[in-house]
Amino acid sequence: MRPELTDRSIVVSSGRQTTADLGSGVALLNLETKVYFTLNDTSGRIWEMLREPVRVGELIEHLIERFDVEPDRCRREVLDLLDQLAAHGLLDIDSEPVLPGR
């Protein structure tokens, strides 16, 4: 069972995948399960941010500032995407994070 996602959770790409730029999105292949997962352009940008560990709340705040999106909708859609990525083994979640300086 994977940890529950909260604003304080730290998320990062699992490293168990390979990616391919599709021009209008990104294709991910889980190297363990051989399952493909495709992301549209916006989700692909989020994926890029997941190369380094990031707190979910900070990820959402960044997207709200960068894009013209309603905060509740942004939060809901980001959490849904992160949950799907985690379900496919493409995302690692630390629900009790301790980051230096945070």
Protein backbone atom coordinates (compact mmCIF):
# COMPACT_ATOMS: atom_id res chain seq x y z
CA MET A 1 0.00 0.00 0.00
CA ARG A 2 1.42 3.37 -0.99
CA PRO A 3 1.40 6.41 1.27
CA GLU A 4 -1.48 8.88 1.04
CA LEU A 5 -0.70 12.03 -0.92
CA THR A 6 -0.92 15.25 1.07
CA ASP A 7 0.41 18.76 0.51
CA ARG A 8 3.37 17.85 2.74
CA SER A 9 4.25 14.67 0.81
CA ILE A 10 7.48 14.67 -1.14
CA VAL A 11 7.18 13.15 -4.61
CA VAL A 12 9.81 12.25 -7.21
CA SER A 13 9.90 10.13 -10.35
CA SER A 14 10.70 6.56 -9.39
CA GLY A 15 13.65 6.05 -11.71
CA ARG A 16 12.09 2.75 -12.82
CA GLN A 17 11.05 4.19 -16.18
CA THR A 18 12.29 5.55 -19.42
CA THR A 19 10.75 8.55 -21.14
CA ALA A 20 10.28 9.74 -24.70
CA ASP A 21 9.33 13.26 -25.78
CA LEU A 22 6.35 13.08 -28.14
CA GLY A 23 6.42 16.76 -29.07
CA SER A 24 2.97 17.35 -27.58
CA GLY A 25 3.55 15.28 -24.47
CA VAL A 26 5.63 12.53 -22.94
CA ALA A 27 5.49 8.74 -23.05
CA LEU A 28 6.67 6.85 -19.99
CA LEU A 29 7.54 3.16 -19.90
CA ASN A 30 7.76 1.40 -16.56
CA LEU A 31 10.83 -0.80 -17.03
CA GLU A 32 9.63 -3.35 -14.49
CA THR A 33 6.04 -3.83 -15.67
CA LYS A 34 6.54 -2.81 -19.34
CA VAL A 35 3.39 -0.66 -19.11
CA TYR A 36 3.26 2.57 -21.13
CA PHE A 37 1.75 5.74 -19.72
CA THR A 38 1.28 8.88 -21.81
CA LEU A 39 1.09 12.46 -20.60
CA ASN A 40 -0.23 15.48 -22.45
CA ASP A 41 1.85 18.65 -22.70
CA THR A 42 0.75 20.09 -19.34
CA SER A 43 1.19 16.78 -17.49
CA GLY A 44 4.54 16.41 -19.22
CA ARG A 45 5.65 19.71 -17.72
CA ILE A 46 4.64 18.44 -14.29
CA TRP A 47 6.62 15.26 -14.98
CA GLU A 48 9.70 17.38 -15.66
CA MET A 49 9.31 18.95 -12.21
CA LEU A 50 9.25 15.46 -10.68
CA ARG A 51 12.84 14.74 -11.70
CA GLU A 52 13.85 16.22 -8.36
CA PRO A 53 12.02 15.67 -5.05
CA VAL A 54 9.31 18.28 -4.56
CA ARG A 55 6.68 18.85 -1.91
CA VAL A 56 3.17 18.39 -3.37
CA GLY A 57 1.96 21.73 -1.97
CA GLU A 58 4.89 23.57 -3.57
CA LEU A 59 4.25 21.86 -6.90
CA ILE A 60 0.61 22.96 -6.81
CA GLU A 61 1.53 26.53 -5.80
CA HIS A 62 4.02 26.75 -8.67
CA LEU A 63 1.42 25.61 -11.19
CA ILE A 64 -1.21 28.05 -9.88
CA GLU A 65 1.28 30.92 -10.23
CA ARG A 66 2.45 29.87 -13.68
CA PHE A 67 -0.86 28.95 -15.30
CA ASP A 68 -4.29 30.55 -15.31
CA VAL A 69 -5.98 27.83 -13.27
CA GLU A 70 -8.39 27.82 -10.35
CA PRO A 71 -6.58 26.62 -7.19
CA ASP A 72 -9.14 23.92 -6.30
CA ARG A 73 -9.13 22.54 -9.83
CA CYS A 74 -5.32 22.58 -9.97
CA ARG A 75 -5.01 20.75 -6.67
CA ARG A 76 -7.62 18.14 -7.64
CA GLU A 77 -6.06 17.47 -11.05
CA VAL A 78 -2.47 17.38 -9.78
CA LEU A 79 -3.37 14.96 -6.98
CA ASP A 80 -5.21 12.77 -9.51
CA LEU A 81 -2.20 12.74 -11.84
CA LEU A 82 0.23 11.98 -9.01
CA ASP A 83 -2.02 9.17 -7.78
CA GLN A 84 -2.14 7.66 -11.28
CA LEU A 85 1.63 7.90 -11.66
CA ALA A 86 2.12 6.24 -8.28
CA ALA A 87 -0.37 3.49 -9.16
CA HIS A 88 1.70 2.71 -12.26
CA GLY A 89 4.95 2.58 -10.26
CA LEU A 90 6.27 5.78 -11.84
CA LEU A 91 6.31 7.94 -8.70
CA ASP A 92 7.85 7.56 -5.26
CA ILE A 93 6.03 9.18 -2.34
CA ASP A 94 7.44 10.07 1.06
CA SER A 95 4.56 10.94 3.35
CA GLU A 96 6.77 11.80 6.35
CA PRO A 97 9.40 13.93 4.66
CA VAL A 98 12.28 15.72 6.25
CA LEU A 99 13.99 18.09 3.83
CA PRO A 100 16.93 20.23 4.85
CA GLY A 101 15.93 23.85 5.37
CA ARG A 102 12.19 23.21 5.13
